[in-house]
Amino acid sequence: MVAAMLHELKLQKDYLGGEPVETIYFGGGTPSLLDRRDLDLFFDEIFKQFKVETSGLEITLEANPDDLTPLKISELRQTPVNRFSIGVQSFSEADLKFMNRAHNAREAISCIENVQAAGFENLTIDLIYGSPTTSDTQWAANLEQAFRFNIPHLSCYCLTVEEKTALAHFIKAGKAKPVDEKQAERQFKFLMKQASAQGYDHYEISNFAKPGWHSRHNSSYWQGKKYLGIGPSAHSFDGLSRQWNVANNAQYLKSLQAGVIPFEKETLTPEQRYNEYVMVSLRTVWGCDLERVRALGFEKHFLGNATVYLEEGLVERIENKFKLTEKGKFLADGIAAALFVEI
């Protein structure tokens, strides 16, 4: 798999059109299983094939708490990796069992302690609220634990039930409680209040950062920059079209062995580009820029549909920027959908 992905990097060397690489992100699976030699191979190939902006380069590795042993952290300290994204989810045993996580609460705490002790300052953790097992008291305890570590970046998501998952089956069978929307909204509001009190900038619906610690990688997605994804299921965007690799590992390997990248591609229509811009920009602190909407040709449609949300205090207009109010943030997806144009 590593050899195939390295080959794909070579084949995709012109995808970004010579634009400099500002962030590198190992994620979408369990990249912490890669050893130092594998990571070094990736770095060597990336620096060989692409123009890399070394000043302020953000290199993130996703990891589960049970993967980040002291030995593994020490090994990663010898690589260019300078940021961790740790899938903590919760510091509660009941939550972790409900979410079917492989780690326990003690491992969640010890991995953060070990990462910080090794000298890694730039880290983010994922936390989930709205779970039937997460009481308001437990959610407050989860946040307090994160604040105690002085973690510079938090990604907090409401529990969602995807179709055809074990959780969906359990809820349908009556073995698990469904997500309580009122509880989720209450915990989201508590999150915003507590994060603000701790000095975090709520710069995207699910993301909170101390000043100077915004995720450069995620911000590039939200600002519509080009990106290249490598490996099975990886997605890429060149500004006008998007493409995604086959999800099947065996097919991916067989195709790369033949020197062919197995992907599907679609060129975005003006309607798709507008919808995606509205969906992403409204979720951020930067908001939706009317100039961008006008350039895409949908100013009249946008203004006409935004009026009701302005009147209800869910959206505010600051010059030509439209932003969600605190009241509107929990309804972000619904508001964005109402501003879409039909495709």
C-alpha atoms as a PDB file:
ATOM      1  CA  MET A   1       0.000   0.000   0.000  1.00  0.00           C
ATOM      2  CA  VAL A   2       2.797   2.423   0.871  1.00  0.00           C
ATOM      3  CA  ALA A   3       4.542   1.668  -2.437  1.00  0.00           C
ATOM      4  CA  ALA A   4       1.309   2.257  -4.351  1.00  0.00           C
ATOM      5  CA  MET A   5       0.667   5.578  -2.610  1.00  0.00           C
ATOM      6  CA  LEU A   6       4.217   6.713  -3.279  1.00  0.00           C
ATOM      7  CA  HIS A   7       3.685   5.882  -6.940  1.00  0.00           C
ATOM      8  CA  GLU A   8       0.443   7.878  -6.947  1.00  0.00           C
ATOM      9  CA  LEU A   9       2.346  10.882  -5.572  1.00  0.00           C
ATOM     10  CA  LYS A  10       4.627  10.714  -8.598  1.00  0.00           C
ATOM     11  CA  LEU A  11       1.697  10.439 -11.001  1.00  0.00           C
ATOM     12  CA  GLN A  12      -0.042  13.399  -9.350  1.00  0.00           C
ATOM     13  CA  LYS A  13       2.981  15.715  -9.214  1.00  0.00           C
ATOM     14  CA  ASP A  14       1.304  18.275 -11.528  1.00  0.00           C
ATOM     15  CA  TYR A  15      -2.159  18.213  -9.921  1.00  0.00           C
ATOM     16  CA  LEU A  16      -1.686  21.364  -7.829  1.00  0.00           C
ATOM     17  CA  GLY A  17      -0.390  23.308 -10.806  1.00  0.00           C
ATOM     18  CA  GLY A  18       2.855  24.264  -9.109  1.00  0.00           C
ATOM     19  CA  GLU A  19       1.150  25.873  -6.119  1.00  0.00           C
ATOM     20  CA  PRO A  20       3.120  25.402  -2.898  1.00  0.00           C
ATOM     21  CA  VAL A  21       2.127  22.775  -0.346  1.00  0.00           C
ATOM     22  CA  GLU A  22       1.427  24.519   2.964  1.00  0.00           C
ATOM     23  CA  THR A  23       0.042  21.588   4.968  1.00  0.00           C
ATOM     24  CA  ILE A  24       0.405  17.814   5.006  1.00  0.00           C
ATOM     25  CA  TYR A  25      -2.212  15.651   6.697  1.00  0.00           C
ATOM     26  CA  PHE A  26      -1.995  11.930   7.402  1.00  0.00           C
ATOM     27  CA  GLY A  27      -5.540  10.841   8.117  1.00  0.00           C
ATOM     28  CA  GLY A  28      -8.657   9.110   6.964  1.00  0.00           C
ATOM     29  CA  GLY A  29      -7.699   5.813   8.577  1.00  0.00           C
ATOM     30  CA  THR A  30      -5.098   4.891  11.140  1.00  0.00           C
ATOM     31  CA  PRO A  31      -1.875   6.485   9.851  1.00  0.00           C
ATOM     32  CA  SER A  32      -0.305   6.108  13.298  1.00  0.00           C
ATOM     33  CA  LEU A  33       0.257   2.472  12.281  1.00  0.00           C
ATOM     34  CA  LEU A  34       2.924   3.686   9.845  1.00  0.00           C
ATOM     35  CA  ASP A  35       6.442   3.330  11.184  1.00  0.00           C
ATOM     36  CA  ARG A  36       9.114   5.979  10.938  1.00  0.00           C
ATOM     37  CA  ARG A  37      10.603   4.475   7.785  1.00  0.00           C
ATOM     38  CA  ASP A  38       7.244   4.643   5.979  1.00  0.00           C
ATOM     39  CA  LEU A  39       6.688   8.248   7.032  1.00  0.00           C
ATOM     40  CA  ASP A  40      10.182   9.192   5.876  1.00  0.00           C
ATOM     41  CA  LEU A  41       9.434   7.665   2.471  1.00  0.00           C
ATOM     42  CA  PHE A  42       6.328   9.830   2.167  1.00  0.00           C
ATOM     43  CA  PHE A  43       8.160  12.977   3.194  1.00  0.00           C
ATOM     44  CA  ASP A  44      11.008  12.278   0.775  1.00  0.00           C
ATOM     45  CA  GLU A  45       8.573  11.802  -2.115  1.00  0.00           C
ATOM     46  CA  ILE A  46       6.426  14.836  -1.251  1.00  0.00           C
ATOM     47  CA  PHE A  47       9.447  17.123  -1.058  1.00  0.00           C
ATOM     48  CA  LYS A  48      10.803  15.635  -4.276  1.00  0.00           C
ATOM     49  CA  GLN A  49       7.626  15.960  -6.344  1.00  0.00           C
ATOM     50  CA  PHE A  50       6.097  19.182  -4.992  1.00  0.00           C
ATOM     51  CA  LYS A  51       7.060  22.696  -4.062  1.00  0.00           C
ATOM     52  CA  VAL A  52       6.732  22.705  -0.277  1.00  0.00           C
ATOM     53  CA  GLU A  53       6.443  25.896   1.767  1.00  0.00           C
ATOM     54  CA  THR A  54       8.732  24.930   4.634  1.00  0.00           C
ATOM     55  CA  SER A  55       8.135  28.099   6.661  1.00  0.00           C
ATOM     56  CA  GLY A  56       5.277  27.361   9.030  1.00  0.00           C
ATOM     57  CA  LEU A  57       4.590  23.994   7.388  1.00  0.00           C
ATOM     58  CA  GLU A  58       1.850  22.195   9.350  1.00  0.00           C
ATOM     59  CA  ILE A  59       2.170  18.395   9.344  1.00  0.00           C
ATOM     60  CA  THR A  60      -0.653  16.591  11.137  1.00  0.00           C
ATOM     61  CA  LEU A  61      -0.980  12.918  12.014  1.00  0.00           C
ATOM     62  CA  GLU A  62      -4.317  11.441  13.051  1.00  0.00           C
ATOM     63  CA  ALA A  63      -4.084   8.896  15.839  1.00  0.00           C
ATOM     64  CA  ASN A  64      -6.170   6.913  18.273  1.00  0.00           C
ATOM     65  CA  PRO A  65      -5.155   7.161  21.955  1.00  0.00           C
ATOM     66  CA  ASP A  66      -4.315   3.459  22.152  1.00  0.00           C
ATOM     67  CA  ASP A  67      -1.844   3.830  19.264  1.00  0.00           C
ATOM     68  CA  LEU A  68       0.182   6.609  20.895  1.00  0.00           C
ATOM     69  CA  THR A  69       2.414   4.613  23.203  1.00  0.00           C
ATOM     70  CA  PRO A  70       5.502   6.344  24.674  1.00  0.00           C
ATOM     71  CA  LEU A  71       7.657   4.372  22.215  1.00  0.00           C
ATOM     72  CA  LYS A  72       5.514   5.425  19.246  1.00  0.00           C
ATOM     73  CA  ILE A  73       5.544   9.065  20.337  1.00  0.00           C
ATOM     74  CA  SER A  74       9.332   8.968  20.710  1.00  0.00           C
ATOM     75  CA  GLU A  75       9.615   7.535  17.195  1.00  0.00           C
ATOM     76  CA  LEU A  76       7.340  10.225  15.762  1.00  0.00           C
ATOM     77  CA  ARG A  77       9.412  12.886  17.494  1.00  0.00           C
ATOM     78  CA  GLN A  78      12.186  11.971  15.050  1.00  0.00           C
ATOM     79  CA  THR A  79       9.984  12.766  12.034  1.00  0.00           C
ATOM     80  CA  PRO A  80       8.792  16.117  10.620  1.00  0.00           C
ATOM     81  CA  VAL A  81       5.321  15.528  12.142  1.00  0.00           C
ATOM     82  CA  ASN A  82       4.547  18.591  14.298  1.00  0.00           C
ATOM     83  CA  ARG A  83       0.830  18.259  15.043  1.00  0.00           C
ATOM     84  CA  PHE A  84      -1.440  15.494  16.335  1.00  0.00           C
ATOM     85  CA  SER A  85      -5.166  15.021  15.842  1.00  0.00           C
ATOM     86  CA  ILE A  86      -6.228  12.567  18.542  1.00  0.00           C
ATOM     87  CA  GLY A  87      -9.572  10.797  18.440  1.00  0.00           C
ATOM     88  CA  VAL A  88     -10.346  11.002  22.133  1.00  0.00           C
ATOM     89  CA  GLN A  89     -14.161  11.345  21.714  1.00  0.00           C
ATOM     90  CA  SER A  90     -14.743  11.287  25.487  1.00  0.00           C
ATOM     91  CA  PHE A  91     -13.053  10.827  28.849  1.00  0.00           C
ATOM     92  CA  SER A  92     -15.988   8.684  30.033  1.00  0.00           C
ATOM     93  CA  GLU A  93     -15.910   4.873  30.003  1.00  0.00           C
ATOM     94  CA  ALA A  94     -19.667   4.729  29.351  1.00  0.00           C
ATOM     95  CA  ASP A  95     -19.367   7.010  26.322  1.00  0.00           C
ATOM     96  CA  LEU A  96     -16.402   5.110  24.886  1.00  0.00           C
ATOM     97  CA  LYS A  97     -18.142   1.753  25.254  1.00  0.00           C
ATOM     98  CA  PHE A  98     -21.285   3.133  23.609  1.00  0.00           C
ATOM     99  CA  MET A  99     -19.191   4.474  20.710  1.00  0.00           C
ATOM    100  CA  ASN A 100     -17.361   1.139  20.459  1.00  0.00           C
ATOM    101  CA  ARG A 101     -13.965   2.763  20.815  1.00  0.00           C
ATOM    102  CA  ALA A 102     -10.861   0.616  21.253  1.00  0.00           C
ATOM    103  CA  HIS A 103      -9.326   2.837  23.953  1.00  0.00           C
ATOM    104  CA  ASN A 104     -10.444   3.509  27.500  1.00  0.00           C
ATOM    105  CA  ALA A 105     -10.606   6.709  29.515  1.00  0.00           C
ATOM    106  CA  ARG A 106      -7.222   6.158  31.145  1.00  0.00           C
ATOM    107  CA  GLU A 107      -5.553   5.743  27.749  1.00  0.00           C
ATOM    108  CA  ALA A 108      -7.247   8.937  26.534  1.00  0.00           C
ATOM    109  CA  ILE A 109      -5.664  10.864  29.384  1.00  0.00           C
ATOM    110  CA  SER A 110      -2.247   9.191  29.375  1.00  0.00           C
ATOM    111  CA  CYS A 111      -1.725   9.626  25.622  1.00  0.00           C
ATOM    112  CA  ILE A 112      -2.234  13.389  25.915  1.00  0.00           C
ATOM    113  CA  GLU A 113       0.122  13.514  28.900  1.00  0.00           C
ATOM    114  CA  ASN A 114       2.747  11.543  26.968  1.00  0.00           C
ATOM    115  CA  VAL A 115       2.421  13.617  23.792  1.00  0.00           C
ATOM    116  CA  GLN A 116       2.830  16.864  25.722  1.00  0.00           C
ATOM    117  CA  ALA A 117       5.692  15.467  27.791  1.00  0.00           C
ATOM    118  CA  ALA A 118       7.495  14.606  24.538  1.00  0.00           C
ATOM    119  CA  GLY A 119       7.377  18.268  23.523  1.00  0.00           C
ATOM    120  CA  PHE A 120       4.447  18.318  21.090  1.00  0.00           C
ATOM    121  CA  GLU A 121       2.520  21.539  21.685  1.00  0.00           C
ATOM    122  CA  ASN A 122       0.332  21.626  18.591  1.00  0.00           C
ATOM    123  CA  LEU A 123      -2.456  19.127  19.070  1.00  0.00           C
ATOM    124  CA  THR A 124      -6.179  18.870  18.678  1.00  0.00           C
ATOM    125  CA  ILE A 125      -8.579  16.340  20.140  1.00  0.00           C
ATOM    126  CA  ASP A 126     -12.009  15.247  18.954  1.00  0.00           C
ATOM    127  CA  LEU A 127     -14.867  15.283  21.449  1.00  0.00           C
ATOM    128  CA  ILE A 128     -18.458  14.167  20.854  1.00  0.00           C
ATOM    129  CA  TYR A 129     -21.557  15.577  22.513  1.00  0.00           C
ATOM    130  CA  GLY A 130     -25.220  14.602  22.225  1.00  0.00           C
ATOM    131  CA  SER A 131     -24.662  10.909  22.923  1.00  0.00           C
ATOM    132  CA  PRO A 132     -27.376   9.172  24.996  1.00  0.00           C
ATOM    133  CA  THR A 133     -24.634   8.240  27.466  1.00  0.00           C
ATOM    134  CA  THR A 134     -23.287  11.801  27.745  1.00  0.00           C
ATOM    135  CA  SER A 135     -25.177  13.634  30.450  1.00  0.00           C
ATOM    136  CA  ASP A 136     -24.776  17.382  30.804  1.00  0.00           C
ATOM    137  CA  THR A 137     -22.582  16.717  33.828  1.00  0.00           C
ATOM    138  CA  GLN A 138     -20.357  14.342  31.860  1.00  0.00           C
ATOM    139  CA  TRP A 139     -20.096  16.786  28.953  1.00  0.00           C
ATOM    140  CA  ALA A 140     -18.972  19.488  31.370  1.00  0.00           C
ATOM    141  CA  ALA A 141     -16.405  17.047  32.798  1.00  0.00           C
ATOM    142  CA  ASN A 142     -15.100  16.218  29.314  1.00  0.00           C
ATOM    143  CA  LEU A 143     -14.565  19.891  28.543  1.00  0.00           C
ATOM    144  CA  GLU A 144     -12.990  20.566  31.915  1.00  0.00           C
ATOM    145  CA  GLN A 145     -10.493  17.764  31.310  1.00  0.00           C
ATOM    146  CA  ALA A 146      -9.568  19.211  27.925  1.00  0.00           C
ATOM    147  CA  PHE A 147      -9.168  22.699  29.413  1.00  0.00           C
ATOM    148  CA  ARG A 148      -7.010  21.283  32.210  1.00  0.00           C
ATOM    149  CA  PHE A 149      -4.545  20.039  29.590  1.00  0.00           C
ATOM    150  CA  ASN A 150      -4.583  23.472  27.946  1.00  0.00           C
ATOM    151  CA  ILE A 151      -5.068  21.821  24.561  1.00  0.00           C
ATOM    152  CA  PRO A 152      -4.810  24.582  21.924  1.00  0.00           C
ATOM    153  CA  HIS A 153      -7.406  23.200  19.521  1.00  0.00           C
ATOM    154  CA  LEU A 154     -10.680  21.300  19.967  1.00  0.00           C
ATOM    155  CA  SER A 155     -12.916  19.701  17.355  1.00  0.00           C
ATOM    156  CA  CYS A 156     -16.331  18.995  18.881  1.00  0.00           C
ATOM    157  CA  TYR A 157     -19.026  17.145  16.970  1.00  0.00           C
ATOM    158  CA  CYS A 158     -22.627  16.236  17.690  1.00  0.00           C
ATOM    159  CA  LEU A 159     -23.242  12.493  17.563  1.00  0.00           C
ATOM    160  CA  THR A 160     -24.806  11.588  14.241  1.00  0.00           C
ATOM    161  CA  VAL A 161     -26.416   8.275  13.364  1.00  0.00           C
ATOM    162  CA  GLU A 162     -25.374   7.064   9.928  1.00  0.00           C
ATOM    163  CA  GLU A 163     -27.557   4.580   8.066  1.00  0.00           C
ATOM    164  CA  LYS A 164     -26.486   0.923   8.005  1.00  0.00           C
ATOM    165  CA  THR A 165     -24.230   1.311  11.049  1.00  0.00           C
ATOM    166  CA  ALA A 166     -24.338  -0.754  14.233  1.00  0.00           C
ATOM    167  CA  LEU A 167     -25.627   2.283  16.141  1.00  0.00           C
ATOM    168  CA  ALA A 168     -28.483   2.802  13.684  1.00  0.00           C
ATOM    169  CA  HIS A 169     -29.409  -0.858  14.069  1.00  0.00           C
ATOM    170  CA  PHE A 170     -29.332  -0.687  17.872  1.00  0.00           C
ATOM    171  CA  ILE A 171     -31.557   2.411  17.906  1.00  0.00           C
ATOM    172  CA  LYS A 172     -34.026   0.843  15.485  1.00  0.00           C
ATOM    173  CA  ALA A 173     -34.124  -2.318  17.614  1.00  0.00           C
ATOM    174  CA  GLY A 174     -34.701  -0.290  20.777  1.00  0.00           C
ATOM    175  CA  LYS A 175     -31.342  -1.308  22.265  1.00  0.00           C
ATOM    176  CA  ALA A 176     -30.036   2.281  22.292  1.00  0.00           C
ATOM    177  CA  LYS A 177     -31.687   5.633  22.761  1.00  0.00           C
ATOM    178  CA  PRO A 178     -31.916   7.988  19.760  1.00  0.00           C
ATOM    179  CA  VAL A 179     -30.103  11.313  19.768  1.00  0.00           C
ATOM    180  CA  ASP A 180     -31.994  13.893  21.839  1.00  0.00           C
ATOM    181  CA  GLU A 181     -31.942  17.127  19.802  1.00  0.00           C
ATOM    182  CA  LYS A 182     -32.713  19.306  22.823  1.00  0.00           C
ATOM    183  CA  GLN A 183     -29.867  17.732  24.782  1.00  0.00           C
ATOM    184  CA  ALA A 184     -27.503  18.173  21.829  1.00  0.00           C
ATOM    185  CA  GLU A 185     -28.464  21.843  21.443  1.00  0.00           C
ATOM    186  CA  ARG A 186     -28.054  22.430  25.176  1.00  0.00           C
ATOM    187  CA  GLN A 187     -24.601  20.866  25.186  1.00  0.00           C
ATOM    188  CA  PHE A 188     -23.568  22.802  22.068  1.00  0.00           C
ATOM    189  CA  LYS A 189     -24.543  26.089  23.728  1.00  0.00           C
ATOM    190  CA  PHE A 190     -22.634  25.082  26.860  1.00  0.00           C
ATOM    191  CA  LEU A 191     -19.610  24.249  24.692  1.00  0.00           C
ATOM    192  CA  MET A 192     -19.643  27.687  23.043  1.00  0.00           C
ATOM    193  CA  LYS A 193     -19.961  29.457  26.394  1.00  0.00           C
ATOM    194  CA  GLN A 194     -17.210  27.485  28.127  1.00  0.00           C
ATOM    195  CA  ALA A 195     -14.801  27.599  25.189  1.00  0.00           C
ATOM    196  CA  SER A 196     -15.203  31.368  24.936  1.00  0.00           C
ATOM    197  CA  ALA A 197     -14.526  31.743  28.660  1.00  0.00           C
ATOM    198  CA  GLN A 198     -11.308  29.757  28.187  1.00  0.00           C
ATOM    199  CA  GLY A 199     -10.124  32.052  25.379  1.00  0.00           C
ATOM    200  CA  TYR A 200     -10.927  29.829  22.404  1.00  0.00           C
ATOM    201  CA  ASP A 201     -11.895  31.329  19.066  1.00  0.00           C
ATOM    202  CA  HIS A 202     -14.976  29.603  17.634  1.00  0.00           C
ATOM    203  CA  TYR A 203     -13.739  29.859  14.066  1.00  0.00           C
ATOM    204  CA  GLU A 204     -15.835  27.072  12.518  1.00  0.00           C
ATOM    205  CA  ILE A 205     -19.017  25.408  13.760  1.00  0.00           C
ATOM    206  CA  SER A 206     -17.173  22.368  15.134  1.00  0.00           C
ATOM    207  CA  ASN A 207     -13.741  23.892  15.717  1.00  0.00           C
ATOM    208  CA  PHE A 208     -12.318  25.987  18.534  1.00  0.00           C
ATOM    209  CA  ALA A 209      -8.752  27.288  18.767  1.00  0.00           C
ATOM    210  CA  LYS A 210      -6.644  29.409  21.043  1.00  0.00           C
ATOM    211  CA  PRO A 211      -5.234  32.491  19.259  1.00  0.00           C
ATOM    212  CA  GLY A 212      -2.564  31.425  16.782  1.00  0.00           C
ATOM    213  CA  TRP A 213      -3.576  27.746  16.817  1.00  0.00           C
ATOM    214  CA  HIS A 214      -6.150  27.527  14.026  1.00  0.00           C
ATOM    215  CA  SER A 215      -5.837  24.414  11.881  1.00  0.00           C
ATOM    216  CA  ARG A 216      -4.184  25.642   8.695  1.00  0.00           C
ATOM    217  CA  HIS A 217      -5.108  22.412   6.932  1.00  0.00           C
ATOM    218  CA  ASN A 218      -8.831  22.495   7.671  1.00  0.00           C
ATOM    219  CA  SER A 219      -8.954  26.235   7.040  1.00  0.00           C
ATOM    220  CA  SER A 220      -7.656  25.639   3.518  1.00  0.00           C
ATOM    221  CA  TYR A 221     -10.684  23.428   2.808  1.00  0.00           C
ATOM    222  CA  TRP A 222     -13.074  26.043   4.144  1.00  0.00           C
ATOM    223  CA  GLN A 223     -11.436  28.772   2.084  1.00  0.00           C
ATOM    224  CA  GLY A 224     -11.719  26.796  -1.150  1.00  0.00           C
ATOM    225  CA  LYS A 225      -8.027  26.140  -1.742  1.00  0.00           C
ATOM    226  CA  LYS A 226      -6.764  23.294  -3.903  1.00  0.00           C
ATOM    227  CA  TYR A 227      -5.858  20.026  -2.216  1.00  0.00           C
ATOM    228  CA  LEU A 228      -4.561  16.622  -3.242  1.00  0.00           C
ATOM    229  CA  GLY A 229      -5.517  13.370  -1.547  1.00  0.00           C
ATOM    230  CA  ILE A 230      -3.501  10.176  -1.931  1.00  0.00           C
ATOM    231  CA  GLY A 231      -4.666   6.595  -1.312  1.00  0.00           C
ATOM    232  CA  PRO A 232      -7.925   4.591  -1.430  1.00  0.00           C
ATOM    233  CA  SER A 233     -11.037   6.792  -1.031  1.00  0.00           C
ATOM    234  CA  ALA A 234      -8.899   9.956  -1.076  1.00  0.00           C
ATOM    235  CA  HIS A 235     -10.553  13.110  -2.440  1.00  0.00           C
ATOM    236  CA  SER A 236      -8.885  15.924  -4.375  1.00  0.00           C
ATOM    237  CA  PHE A 237      -9.958  19.379  -5.578  1.00  0.00           C
ATOM    238  CA  ASP A 238      -8.247  21.564  -8.176  1.00  0.00           C
ATOM    239  CA  GLY A 239     -10.506  24.612  -7.899  1.00  0.00           C
ATOM    240  CA  LEU A 240     -12.864  23.604 -10.700  1.00  0.00           C
ATOM    241  CA  SER A 241     -13.301  19.846 -10.397  1.00  0.00           C
ATOM    242  CA  ARG A 242     -13.146  17.219  -7.706  1.00  0.00           C
ATOM    243  CA  GLN A 243     -12.162  13.598  -7.891  1.00  0.00           C
ATOM    244  CA  TRP A 244     -12.111  10.628  -5.582  1.00  0.00           C
ATOM    245  CA  ASN A 245     -10.156   7.399  -5.654  1.00  0.00           C
ATOM    246  CA  VAL A 246     -11.757   3.970  -5.593  1.00  0.00           C
ATOM    247  CA  ALA A 247     -12.523   2.805  -2.040  1.00  0.00           C
ATOM    248  CA  ASN A 248     -11.522  -0.821  -2.636  1.00  0.00           C
ATOM    249  CA  ASN A 249      -7.941  -1.500  -1.497  1.00  0.00           C
ATOM    250  CA  ALA A 250      -7.375  -4.427  -3.866  1.00  0.00           C
ATOM    251  CA  GLN A 251      -8.607  -2.444  -6.878  1.00  0.00           C
ATOM    252  CA  TYR A 252      -6.485   0.533  -5.868  1.00  0.00           C
ATOM    253  CA  LEU A 253      -3.327  -1.591  -5.602  1.00  0.00           C
ATOM    254  CA  LYS A 254      -3.941  -3.425  -8.867  1.00  0.00           C
ATOM    255  CA  SER A 255      -4.548  -0.186 -10.741  1.00  0.00           C
ATOM    256  CA  LEU A 256      -1.468   1.586  -9.365  1.00  0.00           C
ATOM    257  CA  GLN A 257       0.665  -1.435 -10.214  1.00  0.00           C
ATOM    258  CA  ALA A 258      -0.434  -0.814 -13.805  1.00  0.00           C
ATOM    259  CA  GLY A 259       0.461   2.875 -13.471  1.00  0.00           C
ATOM    260  CA  VAL A 260      -3.134   4.105 -13.484  1.00  0.00           C
ATOM    261  CA  ILE A 261      -4.850   6.147 -10.765  1.00  0.00           C
ATOM    262  CA  PRO A 262      -8.333   4.642 -10.215  1.00  0.00           C
ATOM    263  CA  PHE A 263     -10.567   7.665  -9.721  1.00  0.00           C
ATOM    264  CA  GLU A 264     -13.871   9.217 -10.699  1.00  0.00           C
ATOM    265  CA  LYS A 265     -14.107  12.908 -11.507  1.00  0.00           C
ATOM    266  CA  GLU A 266     -16.728  15.612 -11.876  1.00  0.00           C
ATOM    267  CA  THR A 267     -16.410  19.194 -13.043  1.00  0.00           C
ATOM    268  CA  LEU A 268     -18.410  21.443 -10.771  1.00  0.00           C
ATOM    269  CA  THR A 269     -21.239  23.466 -12.272  1.00  0.00           C
ATOM    270  CA  PRO A 270     -21.729  27.094 -11.172  1.00  0.00           C
ATOM    271  CA  GLU A 271     -24.667  25.866  -9.057  1.00  0.00           C
ATOM    272  CA  GLN A 272     -22.506  23.269  -7.303  1.00  0.00           C
ATOM    273  CA  ARG A 273     -19.715  25.760  -6.701  1.00  0.00           C
ATOM    274  CA  TYR A 274     -22.211  28.224  -5.220  1.00  0.00           C
ATOM    275  CA  ASN A 275     -23.850  25.606  -2.984  1.00  0.00           C
ATOM    276  CA  GLU A 276     -20.521  24.342  -1.711  1.00  0.00           C
ATOM    277  CA  TYR A 277     -19.280  27.854  -1.033  1.00  0.00           C
ATOM    278  CA  VAL A 278     -22.420  28.753   0.936  1.00  0.00           C
ATOM    279  CA  MET A 279     -22.344  25.494   2.891  1.00  0.00           C
ATOM    280  CA  VAL A 280     -18.711  25.842   3.910  1.00  0.00           C
ATOM    281  CA  SER A 281     -18.370  29.601   4.350  1.00  0.00           C
ATOM    282  CA  LEU A 282     -21.425  29.999   6.573  1.00  0.00           C
ATOM    283  CA  ARG A 283     -19.868  27.557   9.031  1.00  0.00           C
ATOM    284  CA  THR A 284     -16.833  29.763   9.535  1.00  0.00           C
ATOM    285  CA  VAL A 285     -16.027  32.952  11.397  1.00  0.00           C
ATOM    286  CA  TRP A 286     -15.183  34.570   8.046  1.00  0.00           C
ATOM    287  CA  GLY A 287     -18.729  34.139   6.795  1.00  0.00           C
ATOM    288  CA  CYS A 288     -20.204  34.185   3.301  1.00  0.00           C
ATOM    289  CA  ASP A 289     -18.852  36.980   1.100  1.00  0.00           C
ATOM    290  CA  LEU A 290     -21.477  38.574  -1.140  1.00  0.00           C
ATOM    291  CA  GLU A 291     -18.743  39.446  -3.665  1.00  0.00           C
ATOM    292  CA  ARG A 292     -18.003  35.726  -4.132  1.00  0.00           C
ATOM    293  CA  VAL A 293     -21.716  34.978  -4.445  1.00  0.00           C
ATOM    294  CA  ARG A 294     -22.083  37.775  -7.010  1.00  0.00           C
ATOM    295  CA  ALA A 295     -19.134  36.452  -9.021  1.00  0.00           C
ATOM    296  CA  LEU A 296     -20.833  33.053  -9.185  1.00  0.00           C
ATOM    297  CA  GLY A 297     -24.033  34.692 -10.441  1.00  0.00           C
ATOM    298  CA  PHE A 298     -26.397  34.016  -7.541  1.00  0.00           C
ATOM    299  CA  GLU A 299     -26.588  37.311  -5.661  1.00  0.00           C
ATOM    300  CA  LYS A 300     -30.338  37.807  -6.184  1.00  0.00           C
ATOM    301  CA  HIS A 301     -31.147  34.247  -5.117  1.00  0.00           C
ATOM    302  CA  PHE A 302     -28.929  34.467  -2.043  1.00  0.00           C
ATOM    303  CA  LEU A 303     -30.277  37.796  -0.804  1.00  0.00           C
ATOM    304  CA  GLY A 304     -33.860  36.759  -1.392  1.00  0.00           C
ATOM    305  CA  ASN A 305     -33.504  33.572   0.631  1.00  0.00           C
ATOM    306  CA  ALA A 306     -31.344  35.087   3.369  1.00  0.00           C
ATOM    307  CA  THR A 307     -33.892  37.764   4.302  1.00  0.00           C
ATOM    308  CA  VAL A 308     -35.952  35.553   6.617  1.00  0.00           C
ATOM    309  CA  TYR A 309     -32.856  34.451   8.560  1.00  0.00           C
ATOM    310  CA  LEU A 310     -31.693  38.038   8.930  1.00  0.00           C
ATOM    311  CA  GLU A 311     -35.106  38.984  10.300  1.00  0.00           C
ATOM    312  CA  GLU A 312     -35.132  36.041  12.714  1.00  0.00           C
ATOM    313  CA  GLY A 313     -31.694  36.922  14.053  1.00  0.00           C
ATOM    314  CA  LEU A 314     -30.115  33.691  12.853  1.00  0.00           C
ATOM    315  CA  VAL A 315     -27.837  35.445  10.354  1.00  0.00           C
ATOM    316  CA  GLU A 316     -26.224  38.868  10.590  1.00  0.00           C
ATOM    317  CA  ARG A 317     -24.827  41.052   7.822  1.00  0.00           C
ATOM    318  CA  ILE A 318     -21.624  42.996   8.379  1.00  0.00           C
ATOM    319  CA  GLU A 319     -21.010  45.032   5.220  1.00  0.00           C
ATOM    320  CA  ASN A 320     -20.846  42.334   2.513  1.00  0.00           C
ATOM    321  CA  LYS A 321     -20.230  39.398   4.863  1.00  0.00           C
ATOM    322  CA  PHE A 322     -23.087  37.191   6.079  1.00  0.00           C
ATOM    323  CA  LYS A 323     -22.399  35.281   9.290  1.00  0.00           C
ATOM    324  CA  LEU A 324     -24.372  32.989  11.556  1.00  0.00           C
ATOM    325  CA  THR A 325     -25.280  34.442  14.922  1.00  0.00           C
ATOM    326  CA  GLU A 326     -24.785  32.345  18.038  1.00  0.00           C
ATOM    327  CA  LYS A 327     -28.485  31.497  17.833  1.00  0.00           C
ATOM    328  CA  GLY A 328     -28.092  30.367  14.229  1.00  0.00           C
ATOM    329  CA  LYS A 329     -24.990  28.206  14.636  1.00  0.00           C
ATOM    330  CA  PHE A 330     -26.868  25.110  15.821  1.00  0.00           C
ATOM    331  CA  LEU A 331     -29.053  25.398  12.692  1.00  0.00           C
ATOM    332  CA  ALA A 332     -26.139  25.899  10.291  1.00  0.00           C
ATOM    333  CA  ASP A 333     -26.859  22.970   7.965  1.00  0.00           C
ATOM    334  CA  GLY A 334     -30.558  23.803   7.630  1.00  0.00           C
ATOM    335  CA  ILE A 335     -29.895  27.474   6.926  1.00  0.00           C
ATOM    336  CA  ALA A 336     -27.271  26.652   4.309  1.00  0.00           C
ATOM    337  CA  ALA A 337     -29.615  24.166   2.614  1.00  0.00           C
ATOM    338  CA  ALA A 338     -32.314  26.839   2.412  1.00  0.00           C
ATOM    339  CA  LEU A 339     -29.887  29.139   0.574  1.00  0.00           C
ATOM    340  CA  PHE A 340     -28.930  26.493  -1.993  1.00  0.00           C
ATOM    341  CA  VAL A 341     -30.021  26.591  -5.604  1.00  0.00           C
ATOM    342  CA  GLU A 342     -31.654  23.470  -7.008  1.00  0.00           C
ATOM    343  CA  ILE A 343     -29.447  21.288  -9.171  1.00  0.00           C
END
